Amino acid sequence: MKHFSAVFPALFFSMMMSLLLLSCSREAEPGTELSSEALRLEQIAVAENRFRTLMLENPDSPEFRPQARFLAEEYRMFAYRYPEHSMAPEMLFLAANLFADALDEPGQAVALFRQLAQEWPDTPQAERSLFLAGYTYHHLLGEPDNAREMYARLIEAFPESDLREAAQDDMALIGTDPMELLRNFQQAEGEN
């Protein structure tokens, strides 16, 4: 399961709309420059546009990974520099997804997912981050104890979460032999 390919288009659209609304709602006072936050958001919008174009037109380009890394670092730096900004959790979430999928660096991704859940625990991004950290630990890093911990934190912190059932299902699979699961599935299918 690739987090990025399923999440990025919707997040990209929502991010661009937020940036558009932000730029429309913030007028610089005569004789002043845009705030550093607004400038950073403009830089991110440019980087997102470059990356999106590259992803759609030439995903095999040697520029793909450097552009993905640049965008991930832009997202991360925004979250670090402006932790009180309403978009900070989403920025860190986007960075983590880029590290997980576009850059194939699950260790870096899980570190960002954990950080997000720690620093912004009451956000929708924290809920998704706990799930994706559990998934990444289980399926990409082969660390079942850490996967269980992340899933348990999700279930405890977000008891009404839509991700609760998926977390419980994945927890039940931790430590099981995939071949045994396949044999059991085939046997069950044969009985039907």
C-alpha atoms as a PDB file:
ATOM      1  CA  MET A   1       0.000   0.000   0.000  1.00  0.00           C
ATOM      2  CA  LYS A   2       1.457   3.298  -1.014  1.00  0.00           C
ATOM      3  CA  HIS A   3       0.359   6.147   1.257  1.00  0.00           C
ATOM      4  CA  PHE A   4       1.493   8.867  -1.097  1.00  0.00           C
ATOM      5  CA  SER A   5      -0.281   7.758  -4.248  1.00  0.00           C
ATOM      6  CA  ALA A   6      -3.601   7.535  -2.444  1.00  0.00           C
ATOM      7  CA  VAL A   7      -3.264  10.666  -0.327  1.00  0.00           C
ATOM      8  CA  PHE A   8      -1.230  13.197  -2.313  1.00  0.00           C
ATOM      9  CA  PRO A   9      -3.746  14.261  -5.023  1.00  0.00           C
ATOM     10  CA  ALA A  10      -6.444  15.191  -2.507  1.00  0.00           C
ATOM     11  CA  LEU A  11      -3.954  16.800  -0.151  1.00  0.00           C
ATOM     12  CA  PHE A  12      -2.335  18.692  -3.005  1.00  0.00           C
ATOM     13  CA  PHE A  13      -5.689  20.102  -4.066  1.00  0.00           C
ATOM     14  CA  SER A  14      -6.627  21.094  -0.516  1.00  0.00           C
ATOM     15  CA  MET A  15      -3.183  22.626   0.030  1.00  0.00           C
ATOM     16  CA  MET A  16      -3.428  24.688  -3.146  1.00  0.00           C
ATOM     17  CA  MET A  17      -6.898  25.921  -2.210  1.00  0.00           C
ATOM     18  CA  SER A  18      -5.655  26.854   1.265  1.00  0.00           C
ATOM     19  CA  LEU A  19      -2.731  28.722  -0.233  1.00  0.00           C
ATOM     20  CA  LEU A  20      -5.022  30.541  -2.625  1.00  0.00           C
ATOM     21  CA  LEU A  21      -7.339  31.570   0.201  1.00  0.00           C
ATOM     22  CA  LEU A  22      -4.381  32.585   2.350  1.00  0.00           C
ATOM     23  CA  SER A  23      -2.868  34.724  -0.375  1.00  0.00           C
ATOM     24  CA  CYS A  24      -6.215  36.362  -1.082  1.00  0.00           C
ATOM     25  CA  SER A  25      -6.900  37.074   2.574  1.00  0.00           C
ATOM     26  CA  ARG A  26      -3.496  38.518   3.433  1.00  0.00           C
ATOM     27  CA  GLU A  27      -2.745  41.867   1.959  1.00  0.00           C
ATOM     28  CA  ALA A  28       0.580  43.402   2.730  1.00  0.00           C
ATOM     29  CA  GLU A  29       0.435  46.838   4.231  1.00  0.00           C
ATOM     30  CA  PRO A  30       1.697  49.546   1.914  1.00  0.00           C
ATOM     31  CA  GLY A  31       5.458  49.665   2.052  1.00  0.00           C
ATOM     32  CA  THR A  32       5.850  46.280   3.794  1.00  0.00           C
ATOM     33  CA  GLU A  33       6.812  42.910   2.451  1.00  0.00           C
ATOM     34  CA  LEU A  34       4.903  39.693   2.805  1.00  0.00           C
ATOM     35  CA  SER A  35       5.431  37.835   6.053  1.00  0.00           C
ATOM     36  CA  SER A  36       8.002  35.058   6.163  1.00  0.00           C
ATOM     37  CA  GLU A  37       5.162  32.542   6.557  1.00  0.00           C
ATOM     38  CA  ALA A  38       3.477  33.751   3.391  1.00  0.00           C
ATOM     39  CA  LEU A  39       6.771  33.687   1.499  1.00  0.00           C
ATOM     40  CA  ARG A  40       7.447  30.142   2.683  1.00  0.00           C
ATOM     41  CA  LEU A  41       3.950  29.094   1.588  1.00  0.00           C
ATOM     42  CA  GLU A  42       4.571  30.617  -1.832  1.00  0.00           C
ATOM     43  CA  GLN A  43       7.849  28.683  -2.116  1.00  0.00           C
ATOM     44  CA  ILE A  44       6.026  25.500  -1.179  1.00  0.00           C
ATOM     45  CA  ALA A  45       3.344  26.145  -3.803  1.00  0.00           C
ATOM     46  CA  VAL A  46       6.040  26.529  -6.457  1.00  0.00           C
ATOM     47  CA  ALA A  47       7.798  23.341  -5.310  1.00  0.00           C
ATOM     48  CA  GLU A  48       4.480  21.449  -5.267  1.00  0.00           C
ATOM     49  CA  ASN A  49       3.727  22.595  -8.795  1.00  0.00           C
ATOM     50  CA  ARG A  50       7.151  21.494 -10.044  1.00  0.00           C
ATOM     51  CA  PHE A  51       6.853  18.134  -8.314  1.00  0.00           C
ATOM     52  CA  ARG A  52       3.290  17.539  -9.505  1.00  0.00           C
ATOM     53  CA  THR A  53       4.255  18.332 -13.095  1.00  0.00           C
ATOM     54  CA  LEU A  54       7.235  15.994 -12.882  1.00  0.00           C
ATOM     55  CA  MET A  55       5.157  13.247 -11.266  1.00  0.00           C
ATOM     56  CA  LEU A  56       2.488  13.443 -13.962  1.00  0.00           C
ATOM     57  CA  GLU A  57       4.664  14.011 -17.019  1.00  0.00           C
ATOM     58  CA  ASN A  58       7.917  12.202 -16.285  1.00  0.00           C
ATOM     59  CA  PRO A  59       7.963  10.136 -13.074  1.00  0.00           C
ATOM     60  CA  ASP A  60      11.064   8.250 -14.279  1.00  0.00           C
ATOM     61  CA  SER A  61      13.063  11.453 -14.560  1.00  0.00           C
ATOM     62  CA  PRO A  62      16.338  11.587 -12.637  1.00  0.00           C
ATOM     63  CA  GLU A  63      14.957  14.818 -11.157  1.00  0.00           C
ATOM     64  CA  PHE A  64      12.056  13.026  -9.467  1.00  0.00           C
ATOM     65  CA  ARG A  65      13.820  12.079  -6.219  1.00  0.00           C
ATOM     66  CA  PRO A  66      15.638  15.406  -5.787  1.00  0.00           C
ATOM     67  CA  GLN A  67      12.376  17.293  -6.339  1.00  0.00           C
ATOM     68  CA  ALA A  68      10.535  14.983  -3.914  1.00  0.00           C
ATOM     69  CA  ARG A  69      13.266  15.503  -1.313  1.00  0.00           C
ATOM     70  CA  PHE A  70      13.211  19.269  -1.817  1.00  0.00           C
ATOM     71  CA  LEU A  71       9.430  19.367  -1.371  1.00  0.00           C
ATOM     72  CA  ALA A  72       9.573  17.098   1.698  1.00  0.00           C
ATOM     73  CA  GLU A  73      12.174  19.387   3.264  1.00  0.00           C
ATOM     74  CA  GLU A  74      10.085  22.466   2.457  1.00  0.00           C
ATOM     75  CA  TYR A  75       7.090  20.895   4.191  1.00  0.00           C
ATOM     76  CA  ARG A  76       9.185  19.849   7.170  1.00  0.00           C
ATOM     77  CA  MET A  77      10.873  23.234   7.538  1.00  0.00           C
ATOM     78  CA  PHE A  78       7.522  25.009   7.469  1.00  0.00           C
ATOM     79  CA  ALA A  79       6.242  22.806  10.307  1.00  0.00           C
ATOM     80  CA  TYR A  80       9.436  23.372  12.315  1.00  0.00           C
ATOM     81  CA  ARG A  81       9.573  27.125  11.779  1.00  0.00           C
ATOM     82  CA  TYR A  82       5.872  27.775  12.283  1.00  0.00           C
ATOM     83  CA  PRO A  83       4.601  25.122  14.735  1.00  0.00           C
ATOM     84  CA  GLU A  84       1.682  27.339  15.773  1.00  0.00           C
ATOM     85  CA  HIS A  85       0.443  27.741  12.188  1.00  0.00           C
ATOM     86  CA  SER A  86      -2.755  25.846  11.440  1.00  0.00           C
ATOM     87  CA  MET A  87      -1.090  24.156   8.454  1.00  0.00           C
ATOM     88  CA  ALA A  88       1.955  22.886  10.391  1.00  0.00           C
ATOM     89  CA  PRO A  89       0.554  19.395  11.148  1.00  0.00           C
ATOM     90  CA  GLU A  90      -0.523  18.925   7.534  1.00  0.00           C
ATOM     91  CA  MET A  91       2.886  20.040   6.298  1.00  0.00           C
ATOM     92  CA  LEU A  92       4.658  17.470   8.475  1.00  0.00           C
ATOM     93  CA  PHE A  93       2.155  14.816   7.396  1.00  0.00           C
ATOM     94  CA  LEU A  94       2.867  15.561   3.733  1.00  0.00           C
ATOM     95  CA  ALA A  95       6.617  15.403   4.377  1.00  0.00           C
ATOM     96  CA  ALA A  96       6.260  12.021   6.073  1.00  0.00           C
ATOM     97  CA  ASN A  97       4.252  10.670   3.138  1.00  0.00           C
ATOM     98  CA  LEU A  98       6.861  11.828   0.657  1.00  0.00           C
ATOM     99  CA  PHE A  99       9.585  10.107   2.686  1.00  0.00           C
ATOM    100  CA  ALA A 100       7.509   6.918   2.877  1.00  0.00           C
ATOM    101  CA  ASP A 101       6.584   6.647  -0.759  1.00  0.00           C
ATOM    102  CA  ALA A 102       8.354   8.928  -3.196  1.00  0.00           C
ATOM    103  CA  LEU A 103      11.723   8.649  -1.431  1.00  0.00           C
ATOM    104  CA  ASP A 104      11.380   5.102  -0.072  1.00  0.00           C
ATOM    105  CA  GLU A 105      12.726   6.134   3.333  1.00  0.00           C
ATOM    106  CA  PRO A 106      10.281   4.493   5.762  1.00  0.00           C
ATOM    107  CA  GLY A 107      12.508   5.108   8.790  1.00  0.00           C
ATOM    108  CA  GLN A 108      12.457   8.853   8.188  1.00  0.00           C
ATOM    109  CA  ALA A 109       8.723   8.727   7.494  1.00  0.00           C
ATOM    110  CA  VAL A 110       7.915   6.919  10.721  1.00  0.00           C
ATOM    111  CA  ALA A 111      10.016   9.382  12.712  1.00  0.00           C
ATOM    112  CA  LEU A 112       7.947  12.236  11.268  1.00  0.00           C
ATOM    113  CA  PHE A 113       4.658  10.402  11.814  1.00  0.00           C
ATOM    114  CA  ARG A 114       5.601   9.863  15.470  1.00  0.00           C
ATOM    115  CA  GLN A 115       6.719  13.461  15.895  1.00  0.00           C
ATOM    116  CA  LEU A 116       3.469  14.743  14.440  1.00  0.00           C
ATOM    117  CA  ALA A 117       1.392  12.562  16.784  1.00  0.00           C
ATOM    118  CA  GLN A 118       3.469  13.814  19.711  1.00  0.00           C
ATOM    119  CA  GLU A 119       3.417  17.528  18.902  1.00  0.00           C
ATOM    120  CA  TRP A 120      -0.138  17.830  17.545  1.00  0.00           C
ATOM    121  CA  PRO A 121      -1.967  14.962  19.304  1.00  0.00           C
ATOM    122  CA  ASP A 122      -5.510  16.263  18.825  1.00  0.00           C
ATOM    123  CA  THR A 123      -5.419  16.717  15.068  1.00  0.00           C
ATOM    124  CA  PRO A 124      -6.763  14.524  12.265  1.00  0.00           C
ATOM    125  CA  GLN A 125      -3.172  14.260  11.043  1.00  0.00           C
ATOM    126  CA  ALA A 126      -2.149  12.686  14.368  1.00  0.00           C
ATOM    127  CA  GLU A 127      -4.801  10.018  13.947  1.00  0.00           C
ATOM    128  CA  ARG A 128      -3.658   9.198  10.406  1.00  0.00           C
ATOM    129  CA  SER A 129      -0.006   9.409  11.451  1.00  0.00           C
ATOM    130  CA  LEU A 130      -0.433   6.835  14.208  1.00  0.00           C
ATOM    131  CA  PHE A 131      -2.064   4.470  11.740  1.00  0.00           C
ATOM    132  CA  LEU A 132       0.557   5.006   9.060  1.00  0.00           C
ATOM    133  CA  ALA A 133       3.374   4.657  11.601  1.00  0.00           C
ATOM    134  CA  GLY A 134       1.902   1.302  12.665  1.00  0.00           C
ATOM    135  CA  TYR A 135       1.505   0.232   9.049  1.00  0.00           C
ATOM    136  CA  THR A 136       5.038   1.330   8.183  1.00  0.00           C
ATOM    137  CA  TYR A 137       6.552  -0.427  11.187  1.00  0.00           C
ATOM    138  CA  HIS A 138       4.671  -3.633  10.384  1.00  0.00           C
ATOM    139  CA  HIS A 139       4.876  -3.841   6.608  1.00  0.00           C
ATOM    140  CA  LEU A 140       7.941  -1.835   5.611  1.00  0.00           C
ATOM    141  CA  LEU A 141      10.311  -1.990   8.573  1.00  0.00           C
ATOM    142  CA  GLY A 142       9.387  -5.369  10.053  1.00  0.00           C
ATOM    143  CA  GLU A 143       9.165  -4.004  13.603  1.00  0.00           C
ATOM    144  CA  PRO A 144       6.089  -5.694  15.104  1.00  0.00           C
ATOM    145  CA  ASP A 145       6.452  -4.312  18.639  1.00  0.00           C
ATOM    146  CA  ASN A 146       6.577  -0.731  17.367  1.00  0.00           C
ATOM    147  CA  ALA A 147       3.629  -1.453  15.052  1.00  0.00           C
ATOM    148  CA  ARG A 148       1.559  -2.725  17.984  1.00  0.00           C
ATOM    149  CA  GLU A 149       2.507   0.344  20.029  1.00  0.00           C
ATOM    150  CA  MET A 150       1.376   2.767  17.296  1.00  0.00           C
ATOM    151  CA  TYR A 151      -1.881   0.905  16.668  1.00  0.00           C
ATOM    152  CA  ALA A 152      -2.593   0.750  20.417  1.00  0.00           C
ATOM    153  CA  ARG A 153      -1.975   4.498  20.720  1.00  0.00           C
ATOM    154  CA  LEU A 154      -4.376   5.125  17.836  1.00  0.00           C
ATOM    155  CA  ILE A 155      -7.085   2.955  19.379  1.00  0.00           C
ATOM    156  CA  GLU A 156      -6.673   4.585  22.792  1.00  0.00           C
ATOM    157  CA  ALA A 157      -6.423   8.193  21.606  1.00  0.00           C
ATOM    158  CA  PHE A 158      -9.092   7.957  18.898  1.00  0.00           C
ATOM    159  CA  PRO A 159     -11.664   5.350  20.008  1.00  0.00           C
ATOM    160  CA  GLU A 160     -14.188   6.525  17.397  1.00  0.00           C
ATOM    161  CA  SER A 161     -11.661   6.550  14.547  1.00  0.00           C
ATOM    162  CA  ASP A 162     -12.574   5.190  11.143  1.00  0.00           C
ATOM    163  CA  LEU A 163      -9.070   3.689  11.178  1.00  0.00           C
ATOM    164  CA  ARG A 164      -9.664   1.738  14.408  1.00  0.00           C
ATOM    165  CA  GLU A 165     -10.936  -1.424  12.713  1.00  0.00           C
ATOM    166  CA  ALA A 166      -8.098  -1.448  10.172  1.00  0.00           C
ATOM    167  CA  ALA A 167      -5.595  -0.998  13.017  1.00  0.00           C
ATOM    168  CA  GLN A 168      -7.148  -3.869  14.960  1.00  0.00           C
ATOM    169  CA  ASP A 169      -7.170  -6.089  11.867  1.00  0.00           C
ATOM    170  CA  ASP A 170      -3.534  -5.346  11.119  1.00  0.00           C
ATOM    171  CA  MET A 171      -2.565  -5.916  14.764  1.00  0.00           C
ATOM    172  CA  ALA A 172      -4.176  -9.351  14.541  1.00  0.00           C
ATOM    173  CA  LEU A 173      -1.937 -10.156  11.565  1.00  0.00           C
ATOM    174  CA  ILE A 174       1.301  -9.178  13.299  1.00  0.00           C
ATOM    175  CA  GLY A 175       3.437 -12.245  13.815  1.00  0.00           C
ATOM    176  CA  THR A 176       1.396 -14.507  11.554  1.00  0.00           C
ATOM    177  CA  ASP A 177       2.968 -16.412   8.709  1.00  0.00           C
ATOM    178  CA  PRO A 178       1.794 -14.956   5.372  1.00  0.00           C
ATOM    179  CA  MET A 179       1.887 -18.392   3.730  1.00  0.00           C
ATOM    180  CA  GLU A 180      -0.310 -19.814   6.481  1.00  0.00           C
ATOM    181  CA  LEU A 181      -2.770 -16.976   5.975  1.00  0.00           C
ATOM    182  CA  LEU A 182      -2.829 -17.693   2.250  1.00  0.00           C
ATOM    183  CA  ARG A 183      -3.406 -21.425   2.830  1.00  0.00           C
ATOM    184  CA  ASN A 184      -6.232 -20.661   5.283  1.00  0.00           C
ATOM    185  CA  PHE A 185      -7.805 -18.255   2.804  1.00  0.00           C
ATOM    186  CA  GLN A 186      -7.561 -20.773  -0.036  1.00  0.00           C
ATOM    187  CA  GLN A 187      -9.003 -23.490   2.181  1.00  0.00           C
ATOM    188  CA  ALA A 188     -11.907 -21.249   3.188  1.00  0.00           C
ATOM    189  CA  GLU A 189     -12.537 -20.359  -0.458  1.00  0.00           C
ATOM    190  CA  GLY A 190     -12.510 -24.060  -1.378  1.00  0.00           C
ATOM    191  CA  GLU A 191     -15.142 -24.805   1.240  1.00  0.00           C
ATOM    192  CA  ASN A 192     -17.482 -22.161  -0.175  1.00  0.00           C
END
